Amino acid sequence: MCLQHLYKKYFVIIWIFLVTVNLLAKPCTALSKERKDDTEAAKNFKSTTDSITDTIIITSGSLIADTKQNIVTFIGTVKVVKGDMILLADKMAVKYTPENGKVRDIEATGNIKLSKGNNIINSDTANYDAIEEKIVFLGNLKAEVGKNRITGTKITFYINNERSIVENSSVHIIN
């Protein structure tokens, strides 16, 4: 079994364990006879599972950590997963805040591929801005939205509202 599949397997096991522990640590309202308690239990479960989509998971062949510069560089078959978004690259530098370790931005180079749902963007470089929740793609741009193809010189993809801006665009619509 390859290392990436082991990561996924153990991530799911750990996630289920953490959700279970979190639910057990809270007062058990799911067994209450009052309907409002059941609704509260459902809200608690939803908030627990929603936090997993805020997690960014990065895998690669190797990594170099520079704690003085607050940069971690991933090299070789890099894969970033956040919710249902997957970003692939040859190399990726992640800048983070020293206070809490949160990702500030990610600069990716080489064979970039972003997929979210049935939307795919390919490019040479990509820069992810965590504050604005956007990715800017440059170089050999190709985007696919279903069967339709889009090319341009720069694509800015806004993650939260799934909106894109394509500069110098050419669109091929296939019915």
N, C-alpha and C. Protein backbone atom coordinates (compact mmCIF):
# COMPACT_ATOMS: atom_id res chain seq x y z
N MET A 1 0.86 -1.17 0.00
CA MET A 1 0.00 0.00 0.00
C MET A 1 0.90 1.23 0.00
N CYS A 2 0.63 2.21 -0.87
CA CYS A 2 1.49 3.38 -0.96
C CYS A 2 1.28 4.30 0.24
N LEU A 3 2.29 5.14 0.49
CA LEU A 3 2.30 6.01 1.66
C LEU A 3 1.12 6.96 1.68
N GLN A 4 0.73 7.46 0.50
CA GLN A 4 -0.39 8.41 0.43
C GLN A 4 -1.70 7.75 0.88
N HIS A 5 -1.91 6.50 0.50
CA HIS A 5 -3.12 5.80 0.93
C HIS A 5 -3.11 5.56 2.44
N LEU A 6 -1.91 5.29 3.01
CA LEU A 6 -1.81 5.14 4.45
C LEU A 6 -2.17 6.44 5.16
N TYR A 7 -1.67 7.59 4.62
CA TYR A 7 -2.01 8.90 5.20
C TYR A 7 -3.52 9.07 5.22
N LYS A 8 -4.17 8.79 4.07
CA LYS A 8 -5.63 8.96 3.99
C LYS A 8 -6.33 8.06 4.99
N LYS A 9 -5.90 6.80 5.06
CA LYS A 9 -6.53 5.83 5.96
C LYS A 9 -6.42 6.30 7.41
N TYR A 10 -5.20 6.69 7.82
CA TYR A 10 -5.02 7.11 9.20
C TYR A 10 -5.67 8.45 9.47
N PHE A 11 -5.72 9.34 8.48
CA PHE A 11 -6.41 10.62 8.66
C PHE A 11 -7.88 10.37 8.97
N VAL A 12 -8.54 9.48 8.24
CA VAL A 12 -9.95 9.18 8.46
C VAL A 12 -10.14 8.57 9.85
N ILE A 13 -9.26 7.65 10.23
CA ILE A 13 -9.37 7.01 11.55
C ILE A 13 -9.21 8.06 12.65
N ILE A 14 -8.20 8.94 12.53
CA ILE A 14 -7.97 9.98 13.53
C ILE A 14 -9.16 10.94 13.57
N TRP A 15 -9.67 11.32 12.40
CA TRP A 15 -10.81 12.24 12.33
C TRP A 15 -12.03 11.64 13.04
N ILE A 16 -12.33 10.37 12.78
CA ILE A 16 -13.48 9.71 13.42
C ILE A 16 -13.25 9.68 14.94
N PHE A 17 -12.02 9.37 15.36
CA PHE A 17 -11.70 9.35 16.78
C PHE A 17 -11.93 10.73 17.41
N LEU A 18 -11.43 11.81 16.76
CA LEU A 18 -11.58 13.14 17.31
C LEU A 18 -13.05 13.58 17.37
N VAL A 19 -13.82 13.26 16.35
CA VAL A 19 -15.25 13.59 16.36
C VAL A 19 -15.94 12.85 17.50
N THR A 20 -15.61 11.57 17.68
CA THR A 20 -16.22 10.77 18.74
C THR A 20 -15.86 11.33 20.11
N VAL A 21 -14.58 11.64 20.32
CA VAL A 21 -14.15 12.19 21.61
C VAL A 21 -14.84 13.53 21.87
N ASN A 22 -14.92 14.37 20.84
CA ASN A 22 -15.56 15.67 20.99
C ASN A 22 -17.04 15.51 21.35
N LEU A 23 -17.70 14.58 20.71
CA LEU A 23 -19.12 14.36 21.01
C LEU A 23 -19.33 13.78 22.40
N LEU A 24 -18.42 12.88 22.81
CA LEU A 24 -18.55 12.28 24.14
C LEU A 24 -18.23 13.27 25.25
N ALA A 25 -17.36 14.23 24.96
CA ALA A 25 -16.98 15.23 25.97
C ALA A 25 -18.11 16.22 26.24
N LYS A 26 -19.04 16.37 25.28
CA LYS A 26 -20.16 17.29 25.46
C LYS A 26 -21.30 16.57 26.16
N PRO A 27 -22.18 17.30 26.84
CA PRO A 27 -23.33 16.66 27.46
C PRO A 27 -24.16 15.92 26.42
N CYS A 28 -24.60 14.73 26.76
CA CYS A 28 -25.32 13.91 25.80
C CYS A 28 -26.77 14.34 25.72
N THR A 29 -27.08 15.19 24.76
CA THR A 29 -28.45 15.66 24.58
C THR A 29 -29.17 14.87 23.50
N ALA A 30 -28.43 14.03 22.78
CA ALA A 30 -29.07 13.29 21.69
C ALA A 30 -30.11 12.30 22.22
N LEU A 31 -29.96 11.85 23.45
CA LEU A 31 -30.91 10.89 24.00
C LEU A 31 -32.06 11.57 24.76
N SER A 32 -32.02 12.89 24.82
CA SER A 32 -33.06 13.62 25.53
C SER A 32 -34.39 13.48 24.81
N LYS A 33 -35.48 13.57 25.59
CA LYS A 33 -36.81 13.45 25.00
C LYS A 33 -37.30 14.76 24.41
N GLU A 34 -36.64 15.85 24.76
CA GLU A 34 -37.08 17.14 24.25
C GLU A 34 -36.47 17.39 22.87
N ARG A 35 -37.30 17.85 21.94
CA ARG A 35 -36.89 18.09 20.57
C ARG A 35 -35.78 19.15 20.46
N LYS A 36 -35.82 20.19 21.28
CA LYS A 36 -34.81 21.24 21.20
C LYS A 36 -33.42 20.72 21.58
N ASP A 37 -33.37 19.74 22.48
CA ASP A 37 -32.08 19.14 22.82
C ASP A 37 -31.50 18.37 21.65
N ASP A 38 -32.36 17.68 20.89
CA ASP A 38 -31.92 16.95 19.72
C ASP A 38 -31.36 17.90 18.66
N THR A 39 -32.01 19.05 18.51
CA THR A 39 -31.54 20.05 17.56
C THR A 39 -30.17 20.58 17.98
N GLU A 40 -29.98 20.81 19.26
CA GLU A 40 -28.69 21.29 19.77
C GLU A 40 -27.59 20.26 19.54
N ALA A 41 -27.90 18.98 19.74
CA ALA A 41 -26.92 17.92 19.49
C ALA A 41 -26.52 17.89 18.02
N ALA A 42 -27.48 18.09 17.14
CA ALA A 42 -27.20 18.12 15.70
C ALA A 42 -26.29 19.30 15.37
N LYS A 43 -26.53 20.46 15.99
CA LYS A 43 -25.68 21.64 15.76
C LYS A 43 -24.26 21.37 16.24
N ASN A 44 -24.12 20.74 17.41
CA ASN A 44 -22.79 20.41 17.93
C ASN A 44 -22.05 19.49 16.98
N PHE A 45 -22.73 18.48 16.45
CA PHE A 45 -22.10 17.56 15.52
C PHE A 45 -21.69 18.29 14.25
N LYS A 46 -22.57 19.16 13.71
CA LYS A 46 -22.27 19.89 12.49
C LYS A 46 -21.05 20.78 12.68
N SER A 47 -20.95 21.49 13.80
CA SER A 47 -19.81 22.37 14.03
C SER A 47 -18.51 21.56 14.12
N THR A 48 -18.58 20.36 14.66
CA THR A 48 -17.41 19.50 14.76
C THR A 48 -16.96 19.04 13.38
N THR A 49 -17.89 18.63 12.54
CA THR A 49 -17.53 18.14 11.22
C THR A 49 -17.18 19.27 10.27
N ASP A 50 -17.73 20.47 10.46
CA ASP A 50 -17.39 21.60 9.60
C ASP A 50 -15.92 21.99 9.77
N SER A 51 -15.37 21.84 10.97
CA SER A 51 -13.99 22.26 11.19
C SER A 51 -13.00 21.44 10.37
N ILE A 52 -13.37 20.24 9.95
CA ILE A 52 -12.47 19.42 9.15
C ILE A 52 -12.27 20.03 7.76
N THR A 53 -13.25 20.77 7.24
CA THR A 53 -13.09 21.38 5.93
C THR A 53 -12.17 22.60 5.98
N ASP A 54 -11.91 23.15 7.17
CA ASP A 54 -10.97 24.25 7.31
C ASP A 54 -9.53 23.75 7.32
N THR A 55 -9.33 22.46 7.46
CA THR A 55 -8.00 21.88 7.53
C THR A 55 -7.38 21.81 6.14
N ILE A 56 -6.09 22.15 6.06
CA ILE A 56 -5.32 22.01 4.82
C ILE A 56 -4.37 20.85 5.02
N ILE A 57 -4.41 19.86 4.12
CA ILE A 57 -3.55 18.69 4.20
C ILE A 57 -2.60 18.74 3.01
N ILE A 58 -1.28 18.67 3.28
CA ILE A 58 -0.27 18.73 2.23
C ILE A 58 0.58 17.47 2.31
N THR A 59 0.75 16.80 1.17
CA THR A 59 1.64 15.65 1.08
C THR A 59 2.63 15.91 -0.06
N SER A 60 3.84 15.32 0.05
CA SER A 60 4.87 15.51 -0.98
C SER A 60 5.95 14.45 -0.82
N GLY A 61 6.89 14.45 -1.79
CA GLY A 61 8.02 13.54 -1.71
C GLY A 61 8.95 13.89 -0.57
N SER A 62 9.20 15.19 -0.38
CA SER A 62 10.05 15.65 0.72
C SER A 62 9.68 17.07 1.10
N LEU A 63 10.18 17.52 2.25
CA LEU A 63 9.94 18.89 2.67
C LEU A 63 11.16 19.45 3.36
N ILE A 64 11.28 20.79 3.24
CA ILE A 64 12.36 21.52 3.90
C ILE A 64 11.69 22.59 4.75
N ALA A 65 11.97 22.60 6.05
CA ALA A 65 11.37 23.57 6.96
C ALA A 65 12.41 24.61 7.36
N ASP A 66 12.08 25.88 7.16
CA ASP A 66 12.93 27.00 7.56
C ASP A 66 12.16 27.78 8.63
N THR A 67 12.41 27.46 9.90
CA THR A 67 11.63 28.06 10.98
C THR A 67 11.99 29.53 11.21
N LYS A 68 13.18 29.97 10.81
CA LYS A 68 13.55 31.38 10.94
C LYS A 68 12.77 32.24 9.94
N GLN A 69 12.52 31.72 8.75
CA GLN A 69 11.80 32.45 7.72
C GLN A 69 10.30 32.12 7.71
N ASN A 70 9.88 31.14 8.52
CA ASN A 70 8.48 30.68 8.58
C ASN A 70 7.99 30.19 7.23
N ILE A 71 8.83 29.37 6.59
CA ILE A 71 8.50 28.80 5.28
C ILE A 71 8.77 27.31 5.30
N VAL A 72 7.82 26.55 4.76
CA VAL A 72 8.02 25.12 4.55
C VAL A 72 7.91 24.88 3.06
N THR A 73 8.95 24.24 2.47
CA THR A 73 8.96 23.97 1.04
C THR A 73 8.75 22.48 0.81
N PHE A 74 7.76 22.16 0.00
CA PHE A 74 7.44 20.78 -0.36
C PHE A 74 7.94 20.54 -1.77
N ILE A 75 8.61 19.41 -1.98
CA ILE A 75 9.20 19.11 -3.29
C ILE A 75 8.79 17.71 -3.72
N GLY A 76 8.34 17.58 -4.97
CA GLY A 76 8.04 16.27 -5.56
C GLY A 76 6.62 15.79 -5.30
N THR A 77 5.83 15.75 -6.35
CA THR A 77 4.45 15.27 -6.30
C THR A 77 3.69 15.86 -5.11
N VAL A 78 3.59 17.16 -5.10
CA VAL A 78 2.93 17.87 -4.01
C VAL A 78 1.42 17.83 -4.22
N LYS A 79 0.69 17.56 -3.15
CA LYS A 79 -0.78 17.53 -3.19
C LYS A 79 -1.32 18.28 -1.98
N VAL A 80 -2.19 19.27 -2.26
CA VAL A 80 -2.83 20.04 -1.20
C VAL A 80 -4.33 19.76 -1.26
N VAL A 81 -4.92 19.41 -0.13
CA VAL A 81 -6.35 19.15 -0.07
C VAL A 81 -6.96 20.06 0.99
N LYS A 82 -7.98 20.81 0.58
CA LYS A 82 -8.76 21.63 1.52
C LYS A 82 -10.22 21.44 1.14
N GLY A 83 -10.95 20.74 1.97
CA GLY A 83 -12.34 20.43 1.64
C GLY A 83 -12.39 19.60 0.37
N ASP A 84 -13.17 20.06 -0.63
CA ASP A 84 -13.26 19.33 -1.89
C ASP A 84 -12.33 19.89 -2.96
N MET A 85 -11.41 20.80 -2.57
CA MET A 85 -10.45 21.37 -3.50
C MET A 85 -9.13 20.61 -3.40
N ILE A 86 -8.56 20.26 -4.57
CA ILE A 86 -7.27 19.58 -4.63
C ILE A 86 -6.35 20.38 -5.53
N LEU A 87 -5.14 20.68 -5.04
CA LEU A 87 -4.13 21.40 -5.81
C LEU A 87 -2.90 20.52 -5.92
N LEU A 88 -2.44 20.27 -7.15
CA LEU A 88 -1.25 19.47 -7.41
C LEU A 88 -0.15 20.37 -7.97
N ALA A 89 1.12 20.08 -7.65
CA ALA A 89 2.26 20.85 -8.15
C ALA A 89 3.54 20.05 -8.01
N ASP A 90 4.61 20.52 -8.68
CA ASP A 90 5.92 19.90 -8.54
C ASP A 90 6.62 20.39 -7.27
N LYS A 91 6.42 21.69 -6.95
CA LYS A 91 7.07 22.30 -5.80
C LYS A 91 6.15 23.34 -5.20
N MET A 92 6.20 23.47 -3.87
CA MET A 92 5.31 24.41 -3.21
C MET A 92 5.99 24.97 -1.96
N ALA A 93 5.94 26.30 -1.83
CA ALA A 93 6.47 26.96 -0.63
C ALA A 93 5.30 27.51 0.16
N VAL A 94 5.19 27.11 1.41
CA VAL A 94 4.09 27.54 2.28
C VAL A 94 4.65 28.50 3.32
N LYS A 95 4.10 29.71 3.35
CA LYS A 95 4.49 30.71 4.35
C LYS A 95 3.42 30.70 5.44
N TYR A 96 3.85 30.72 6.68
CA TYR A 96 2.90 30.66 7.80
C TYR A 96 3.24 31.71 8.84
N THR A 97 2.27 31.99 9.70
CA THR A 97 2.48 32.96 10.77
C THR A 97 3.20 32.27 11.93
N PRO A 98 4.20 32.92 12.51
CA PRO A 98 4.94 32.28 13.61
C PRO A 98 4.12 32.18 14.89
N GLU A 99 3.13 33.06 15.08
CA GLU A 99 2.34 33.06 16.31
C GLU A 99 1.46 31.82 16.45
N ASN A 100 0.76 31.47 15.37
CA ASN A 100 -0.20 30.36 15.47
C ASN A 100 -0.02 29.28 14.41
N GLY A 101 0.93 29.45 13.51
CA GLY A 101 1.21 28.44 12.49
C GLY A 101 0.20 28.40 11.36
N LYS A 102 -0.69 29.39 11.26
CA LYS A 102 -1.68 29.40 10.18
C LYS A 102 -1.02 29.77 8.86
N VAL A 103 -1.50 29.15 7.79
CA VAL A 103 -0.97 29.40 6.45
C VAL A 103 -1.35 30.81 6.01
N ARG A 104 -0.33 31.58 5.56
CA ARG A 104 -0.57 32.92 4.99
C ARG A 104 -0.75 32.84 3.49
N ASP A 105 0.21 32.18 2.84
CA ASP A 105 0.09 31.98 1.40
C ASP A 105 0.90 30.78 0.96
N ILE A 106 0.58 30.32 -0.25
CA ILE A 106 1.27 29.18 -0.83
C ILE A 106 1.68 29.56 -2.25
N GLU A 107 2.96 29.38 -2.57
CA GLU A 107 3.45 29.61 -3.92
C GLU A 107 3.80 28.26 -4.52
N ALA A 108 3.10 27.89 -5.60
CA ALA A 108 3.31 26.60 -6.23
C ALA A 108 3.87 26.79 -7.64
N THR A 109 4.77 25.89 -8.04
CA THR A 109 5.35 25.94 -9.38
C THR A 109 5.40 24.55 -9.99
N GLY A 110 5.27 24.52 -11.32
CA GLY A 110 5.44 23.27 -12.08
C GLY A 110 4.22 22.39 -12.11
N ASN A 111 3.64 22.22 -13.30
CA ASN A 111 2.52 21.29 -13.53
C ASN A 111 1.37 21.48 -12.54
N ILE A 112 0.92 22.71 -12.41
CA ILE A 112 -0.17 23.04 -11.49
C ILE A 112 -1.49 22.49 -12.02
N LYS A 113 -2.24 21.89 -11.13
CA LYS A 113 -3.60 21.44 -11.47
C LYS A 113 -4.48 21.64 -10.24
N LEU A 114 -5.51 22.46 -10.40
CA LEU A 114 -6.48 22.67 -9.34
C LEU A 114 -7.79 22.05 -9.78
N SER A 115 -8.38 21.24 -8.91
CA SER A 115 -9.71 20.70 -9.22
C SER A 115 -10.63 20.95 -8.03
N LYS A 116 -11.82 21.37 -8.35
CA LYS A 116 -12.87 21.59 -7.36
C LYS A 116 -14.18 21.26 -8.06
N GLY A 117 -14.83 20.20 -7.61
CA GLY A 117 -16.01 19.73 -8.34
C GLY A 117 -15.58 19.26 -9.72
N ASN A 118 -16.30 19.69 -10.78
CA ASN A 118 -15.89 19.30 -12.13
C ASN A 118 -15.19 20.47 -12.84
N ASN A 119 -14.63 21.41 -12.06
CA ASN A 119 -13.84 22.51 -12.60
C ASN A 119 -12.37 22.20 -12.42
N ILE A 120 -11.58 22.40 -13.49
CA ILE A 120 -10.14 22.12 -13.45
C ILE A 120 -9.39 23.29 -14.06
N ILE A 121 -8.31 23.71 -13.40
CA ILE A 121 -7.43 24.74 -13.93
C ILE A 121 -6.01 24.19 -13.94
N ASN A 122 -5.33 24.33 -15.10
CA ASN A 122 -3.93 23.93 -15.25
C ASN A 122 -3.09 25.17 -15.53
N SER A 123 -1.87 25.23 -14.97
CA SER A 123 -0.98 26.37 -15.23
C SER A 123 0.45 26.00 -14.85
N ASP A 124 1.36 26.97 -15.05
CA ASP A 124 2.76 26.78 -14.66
C ASP A 124 2.99 27.17 -13.21
N THR A 125 2.31 28.25 -12.76
CA THR A 125 2.47 28.71 -11.38
C THR A 125 1.11 29.04 -10.78
N ALA A 126 1.06 29.00 -9.45
CA ALA A 126 -0.16 29.38 -8.73
C ALA A 126 0.25 29.98 -7.39
N ASN A 127 -0.47 31.02 -6.96
CA ASN A 127 -0.22 31.64 -5.66
C ASN A 127 -1.54 31.69 -4.90
N TYR A 128 -1.58 30.99 -3.76
CA TYR A 128 -2.76 30.94 -2.91
C TYR A 128 -2.63 31.96 -1.81
N ASP A 129 -3.63 32.83 -1.67
CA ASP A 129 -3.68 33.83 -0.61
C ASP A 129 -4.75 33.38 0.38
N ALA A 130 -4.32 32.98 1.58
CA ALA A 130 -5.25 32.43 2.58
C ALA A 130 -6.19 33.49 3.13
N ILE A 131 -5.75 34.73 3.20
CA ILE A 131 -6.60 35.79 3.75
C ILE A 131 -7.76 36.10 2.80
N GLU A 132 -7.45 36.24 1.51
CA GLU A 132 -8.49 36.55 0.53
C GLU A 132 -9.15 35.30 -0.05
N GLU A 133 -8.65 34.11 0.33
CA GLU A 133 -9.18 32.84 -0.18
C GLU A 133 -9.24 32.84 -1.70
N LYS A 134 -8.09 33.15 -2.34
CA LYS A 134 -8.04 33.16 -3.80
C LYS A 134 -6.73 32.53 -4.27
N ILE A 135 -6.76 32.06 -5.52
CA ILE A 135 -5.57 31.51 -6.16
C ILE A 135 -5.38 32.23 -7.49
N VAL A 136 -4.16 32.71 -7.74
CA VAL A 136 -3.84 33.37 -9.00
C VAL A 136 -2.95 32.42 -9.81
N PHE A 137 -3.38 32.11 -11.03
CA PHE A 137 -2.68 31.18 -11.92
C PHE A 137 -2.03 31.96 -13.07
N LEU A 138 -0.80 31.57 -13.43
CA LEU A 138 -0.08 32.20 -14.53
C LEU A 138 0.65 31.14 -15.35
N GLY A 139 0.79 31.36 -16.67
CA GLY A 139 1.59 30.49 -17.54
C GLY A 139 0.87 29.26 -18.04
N ASN A 140 0.77 29.12 -19.37
CA ASN A 140 0.15 27.96 -20.02
C ASN A 140 -1.20 27.61 -19.39
N LEU A 141 -2.06 28.60 -19.32
CA LEU A 141 -3.35 28.43 -18.65
C LEU A 141 -4.36 27.68 -19.49
N LYS A 142 -5.02 26.74 -18.85
CA LYS A 142 -6.16 26.03 -19.42
C LYS A 142 -7.13 25.75 -18.30
N ALA A 143 -8.37 26.07 -18.54
CA ALA A 143 -9.40 25.77 -17.54
C ALA A 143 -10.49 24.96 -18.23
N GLU A 144 -11.05 24.03 -17.47
CA GLU A 144 -12.16 23.22 -17.96
C GLU A 144 -13.32 23.35 -16.98
N VAL A 145 -14.46 23.71 -17.53
CA VAL A 145 -15.69 23.77 -16.75
C VAL A 145 -16.65 22.83 -17.46
N GLY A 146 -16.74 21.60 -16.96
CA GLY A 146 -17.48 20.57 -17.68
C GLY A 146 -16.76 20.28 -18.99
N LYS A 147 -17.45 20.40 -20.13
CA LYS A 147 -16.85 20.19 -21.45
C LYS A 147 -16.26 21.47 -22.03
N ASN A 148 -16.56 22.61 -21.44
CA ASN A 148 -16.10 23.89 -21.96
C ASN A 148 -14.65 24.15 -21.58
N ARG A 149 -13.90 24.83 -22.50
CA ARG A 149 -12.49 25.13 -22.30
C ARG A 149 -12.27 26.64 -22.29
N ILE A 150 -11.41 27.10 -21.39
CA ILE A 150 -11.08 28.52 -21.28
C ILE A 150 -9.56 28.66 -21.21
N THR A 151 -9.01 29.62 -21.96
CA THR A 151 -7.59 29.94 -21.87
C THR A 151 -7.45 31.43 -21.61
N GLY A 152 -6.28 31.85 -21.16
CA GLY A 152 -6.03 33.26 -20.90
C GLY A 152 -4.62 33.46 -20.39
N THR A 153 -4.27 34.71 -20.03
CA THR A 153 -2.93 35.01 -19.53
C THR A 153 -2.86 34.96 -18.00
N LYS A 154 -4.01 35.16 -17.35
CA LYS A 154 -4.06 35.12 -15.89
C LYS A 154 -5.46 34.71 -15.47
N ILE A 155 -5.53 33.78 -14.53
CA ILE A 155 -6.81 33.38 -13.96
C ILE A 155 -6.74 33.60 -12.45
N THR A 156 -7.72 34.34 -11.93
CA THR A 156 -7.85 34.52 -10.49
C THR A 156 -9.11 33.77 -10.07
N PHE A 157 -8.93 32.76 -9.19
CA PHE A 157 -10.03 31.91 -8.74
C PHE A 157 -10.32 32.22 -7.28
N TYR A 158 -11.56 32.70 -7.01
CA TYR A 158 -12.00 33.00 -5.65
C TYR A 158 -12.68 31.75 -5.10
N ILE A 159 -12.07 31.13 -4.12
CA ILE A 159 -12.48 29.81 -3.63
C ILE A 159 -13.85 29.83 -2.98
N ASN A 160 -14.11 30.76 -2.08
CA ASN A 160 -15.36 30.75 -1.31
C ASN A 160 -16.60 30.87 -2.17
N ASN A 161 -16.57 31.70 -3.20
CA ASN A 161 -17.78 31.85 -4.02
C ASN A 161 -17.62 31.25 -5.41
N GLU A 162 -16.54 30.46 -5.62
CA GLU A 162 -16.30 29.76 -6.88
C GLU A 162 -16.45 30.69 -8.08
N ARG A 163 -15.81 31.85 -7.99
CA ARG A 163 -15.85 32.85 -9.06
C ARG A 163 -14.45 32.99 -9.63
N SER A 164 -14.37 33.13 -10.96
CA SER A 164 -13.08 33.29 -11.63
C SER A 164 -13.07 34.54 -12.48
N ILE A 165 -11.88 35.16 -12.58
CA ILE A 165 -11.65 36.26 -13.50
C ILE A 165 -10.52 35.81 -14.42
N VAL A 166 -10.78 35.82 -15.73
CA VAL A 166 -9.80 35.40 -16.72
C VAL A 166 -9.41 36.60 -17.56
N GLU A 167 -8.12 36.90 -17.58
CA GLU A 167 -7.64 38.02 -18.39
C GLU A 167 -7.20 37.51 -19.76
N ASN A 168 -7.49 38.31 -20.82
CA ASN A 168 -7.19 37.94 -22.21
C ASN A 168 -7.74 36.55 -22.54
N SER A 169 -9.01 36.38 -22.30
CA SER A 169 -9.63 35.06 -22.36
C SER A 169 -10.04 34.64 -23.76
N SER A 170 -10.06 33.33 -23.95
CA SER A 170 -10.62 32.68 -25.12
C SER A 170 -11.45 31.53 -24.59
N VAL A 171 -12.72 31.49 -25.00
CA VAL A 171 -13.65 30.50 -24.47
C VAL A 171 -14.15 29.62 -25.61
N HIS A 172 -14.12 28.31 -25.39
CA HIS A 172 -14.63 27.31 -26.33
C HIS A 172 -15.78 26.59 -25.68
N ILE A 173 -17.01 26.91 -26.14
CA ILE A 173 -18.21 26.32 -25.54
C ILE A 173 -18.62 25.12 -26.36
N ILE A 174 -18.79 23.99 -25.68
CA ILE A 174 -19.20 22.75 -26.35
C ILE A 174 -20.58 22.39 -25.82
N ASN A 175 -21.54 22.30 -26.74
CA ASN A 175 -22.91 21.97 -26.35
C ASN A 175 -23.12 20.48 -26.27
